[in-house]
Protein backbone atom coordinates (compact mmCIF):
# COMPACT_ATOMS: atom_id res chain seq x y z
CA UNK A 1 17.80 21.80 8.14
CA UNK A 2 15.10 24.32 8.21
CA UNK A 3 12.07 23.49 10.65
CA UNK A 4 9.87 22.55 8.00
CA UNK A 5 12.13 20.37 6.52
CA UNK A 6 12.91 18.70 9.73
CA UNK A 7 8.96 18.23 10.67
CA UNK A 8 8.39 16.71 6.99
CA UNK A 9 11.30 14.35 7.49
CA UNK A 10 10.35 13.30 10.89
CA UNK A 11 6.31 12.80 9.28
CA UNK A 12 7.91 10.55 6.74
CA UNK A 13 9.73 8.44 8.84
CA UNK A 14 6.56 8.03 11.13
CA UNK A 15 5.01 7.16 8.27
CA UNK A 16 6.89 4.72 7.09
CA UNK A 17 7.25 3.18 10.77
CA UNK A 18 3.27 2.68 10.54
CA UNK A 19 3.24 0.97 6.84
CA UNK A 20 6.31 -1.24 8.54
CA UNK A 21 4.17 -2.02 11.42
CA UNK A 22 0.85 -2.76 9.42
CA UNK A 23 3.06 -4.83 7.18
CA UNK A 24 3.83 -6.87 10.06
CA UNK A 25 0.24 -7.11 11.23
CA UNK A 26 -0.86 -8.03 8.05
CA UNK A 27 2.04 -10.69 7.75
CA UNK A 28 0.91 -12.38 10.87
CA UNK A 29 -2.29 -12.56 10.21
CA UNK A 30 -1.66 -14.45 6.93
CA UNK A 31 0.16 -16.98 8.88
CA UNK A 32 -2.82 -17.21 11.27
CA UNK A 33 -4.86 -17.68 8.26
CA UNK A 34 -3.00 -20.26 6.43
CA UNK A 35 -2.92 -22.49 9.98
CA UNK A 36 -6.52 -22.07 10.55
CA UNK A 37 -7.23 -23.01 6.35
CA UNK A 38 -5.45 -25.94 7.05
CA UNK A 39 -7.03 -26.80 10.01
CA UNK A 40 -10.48 -26.50 8.91
CA UNK A 41 -9.72 -28.10 5.55
CA UNK A 42 -8.70 -31.37 7.54
CA UNK A 43 -12.23 -30.79 9.54
CA UNK A 44 -14.00 -30.95 6.04
CA UNK A 45 -12.07 -34.15 4.57
CA UNK A 46 -12.53 -35.79 7.53
CA UNK A 47 -16.73 -35.05 7.57
CA UNK A 48 -16.52 -35.84 3.74
CA UNK A 49 -15.09 -39.03 4.40
CA UNK A 50 -17.46 -39.50 7.30
CA UNK A 51 -20.23 -39.20 5.01
CA UNK A 52 -19.17 -41.26 2.25
CA UNK A 53 -18.42 -44.25 4.33
CA UNK A 54 -21.42 -44.01 6.30
CA UNK A 55 -23.84 -43.93 4.22
CA UNK A 56 -26.51 -46.01 5.87
CA UNK A 57 -25.89 -44.01 9.32
CA UNK A 58 -29.30 -42.38 10.62
CA UNK A 59 -30.82 -39.43 9.02
CA UNK A 60 -30.05 -36.95 12.37
CA UNK A 61 -26.43 -37.99 12.35
CA UNK A 62 -25.95 -37.42 8.74
CA UNK A 63 -27.73 -34.01 8.66
CA UNK A 64 -25.45 -32.90 11.58
CA UNK A 65 -22.49 -34.05 9.76
CA UNK A 66 -23.72 -31.90 6.55
CA UNK A 67 -24.51 -29.06 8.50
CA UNK A 68 -20.88 -29.16 10.22
CA UNK A 69 -19.70 -29.73 6.33
CA UNK A 70 -21.07 -26.71 5.44
CA UNK A 71 -20.18 -24.33 8.42
CA UNK A 72 -16.79 -25.68 7.42
CA UNK A 73 -17.13 -24.25 3.85
CA UNK A 74 -18.37 -21.25 5.31
CA UNK A 75 -15.25 -20.69 7.53
CA UNK A 76 -13.02 -21.57 4.47
CA UNK A 77 -14.64 -19.11 2.50
CA UNK A 78 -14.57 -16.49 4.79
CA UNK A 79 -10.69 -17.27 5.32
CA UNK A 80 -10.10 -16.93 1.48
CA UNK A 81 -11.87 -13.87 1.46
CA UNK A 82 -10.00 -12.37 4.07
CA UNK A 83 -6.75 -13.46 2.84
CA UNK A 84 -7.87 -11.63 -0.52
CA UNK A 85 -8.36 -8.30 1.89
CA UNK A 86 -5.05 -8.80 3.42
CA UNK A 87 -3.53 -9.28 -0.23
CA UNK A 88 -4.94 -6.33 -1.28
CA UNK A 89 -3.70 -4.19 1.60
CA UNK A 90 -0.24 -5.67 1.16
CA UNK A 91 -0.35 -4.55 -2.26
CA UNK A 92 -1.65 -0.71 -1.06
CA UNK A 93 1.37 -0.48 1.19
CA UNK A 94 3.59 -1.44 -1.25
CA UNK A 95 2.05 1.39 -3.57
CA UNK A 96 2.18 3.59 -0.62
CA UNK A 97 5.92 3.10 0.06
CA UNK A 98 6.24 3.46 -3.61
CA UNK A 99 4.55 6.85 -3.59
CA UNK A 100 6.35 8.32 -0.82
CA UNK A 101 10.04 7.26 -2.48
CA UNK A 102 8.85 8.75 -5.56
CA UNK A 103 7.41 11.86 -3.83
CA UNK A 104 10.41 12.32 -2.19
CA UNK A 105 12.52 11.98 -5.08
CA UNK A 106 10.33 14.59 -7.06
CA UNK A 107 10.79 16.96 -4.03
CA UNK A 108 14.46 16.99 -4.36
CA UNK A 109 14.02 17.65 -8.29
CA UNK A 110 11.44 20.43 -7.60
CA UNK A 111 13.64 22.17 -4.59
CA UNK A 112 16.84 21.78 -5.70
CA UNK A 113 17.70 23.21 -2.53
CA UNK A 114 21.30 24.02 -2.37
CA UNK A 115 22.35 23.87 -6.10
CA UNK A 116 21.24 27.51 -6.71
CA UNK A 117 20.10 30.46 -4.44
CA UNK A 118 16.56 30.83 -3.82
CA UNK A 119 14.24 33.32 -5.53
CA UNK A 120 12.46 36.01 -3.42
CA UNK A 121 8.86 35.36 -3.33
CA UNK A 122 9.08 31.53 -3.87
CA UNK A 123 8.68 29.80 -0.57
CA UNK A 124 11.71 30.80 1.18
CA UNK A 125 14.56 33.51 2.39
CA UNK A 126 15.40 36.10 -0.04
CA UNK A 127 17.91 35.05 -2.28
CA UNK A 128 21.44 36.49 -2.29
CA UNK A 129 22.43 38.26 -5.51
CA UNK A 130 24.05 36.39 -8.17
CA UNK A 131 27.96 36.74 -8.47
CA UNK A 132 28.10 38.99 -11.65
CA UNK A 133 24.74 39.97 -11.85
CA UNK A 134 22.76 42.87 -10.89
CA UNK A 135 19.14 40.92 -10.52
CA UNK A 136 18.30 37.92 -8.19
CA UNK A 137 19.22 34.61 -9.74
CA UNK A 138 16.68 32.70 -11.78
CA UNK A 139 14.46 29.80 -10.18
CA UNK A 140 15.74 26.85 -10.42
CA UNK A 141 13.39 25.81 -12.84
CA UNK A 142 15.24 27.65 -15.26
CA UNK A 143 18.59 26.57 -14.10
CA UNK A 144 17.96 22.63 -14.79
CA UNK A 145 19.58 20.50 -17.04
CA UNK A 146 17.34 18.50 -19.87
CA UNK A 147 18.26 15.55 -18.31
CA UNK A 148 17.13 16.91 -14.90
CA UNK A 149 13.84 17.79 -16.59
CA UNK A 150 13.39 14.75 -18.00
CA UNK A 151 14.25 12.79 -14.64
CA UNK A 152 11.84 14.75 -13.45
CA UNK A 153 9.08 14.32 -15.42
CA UNK A 154 9.89 10.54 -15.42
CA UNK A 155 9.30 10.37 -11.58
CA UNK A 156 6.08 12.28 -12.07
CA UNK A 157 4.95 10.00 -14.57
CA UNK A 158 5.74 6.96 -12.59
CA UNK A 159 3.89 9.14 -9.51
CA UNK A 160 0.68 9.09 -11.28
CA UNK A 161 1.17 5.51 -12.43
CA UNK A 162 1.13 4.84 -8.58
CA UNK A 163 -1.65 7.05 -7.48
CA UNK A 164 -3.67 5.37 -10.49
CA UNK A 165 -2.88 1.96 -9.14
CA UNK A 166 -3.64 2.98 -6.00
CA UNK A 167 -7.07 4.09 -6.62
CA UNK A 168 -7.99 0.97 -9.07
CA UNK A 169 -7.14 -1.18 -5.94
CA UNK A 170 -9.65 1.03 -3.81
CA UNK A 171 -12.33 0.33 -6.47
CA UNK A 172 -11.50 -3.31 -6.40
CA UNK A 173 -12.03 -3.10 -2.86
CA UNK A 174 -15.67 -1.08 -3.03
CA UNK A 175 -16.83 -3.66 -5.71
CA UNK A 176 -16.04 -6.27 -3.13
CA UNK A 177 -17.39 -4.95 -0.28
CA UNK A 178 -20.23 -4.15 -2.45
CA UNK A 179 -20.84 -7.47 -3.87
CA UNK A 180 -20.74 -9.18 -0.29
CA UNK A 181 -23.39 -6.96 0.80
């Protein structure tokens, strides 16, 4: 492998590991949120029960319970909001992984290394002369079959779709952030 290819493969693996670690951290946090949410919900049910059963209770105690119930509701809302943010992050990671895979596939079609000789001046070593041809070989693009061109175009369309989906997620996050201000 040329040096640039080894570097690119290493960077790709590192990015994949970072996404994996981030996905694990998100999964752990989602599990923590679920446990906390259940605990908070139990507290809320208990406080609601106190408020309903103890209607004749002193005003101060009732006010305390009401304030506690409001804090519980706020905590639940913040947990739901955080869970929503994490779910968006999960979607973003999935799209990032999909984009990386499509990018790799597209690079294979665009480079087609090893299949045809490289052309001088096109990002590589000088191409050896083609057998039975006085001039250097034609670029790989000219030698692709119609099926290969169609597959490359399909991958490019999928890649653009993934990029648009990621862009939509970013807009959703931005709108959510602005609405919380």
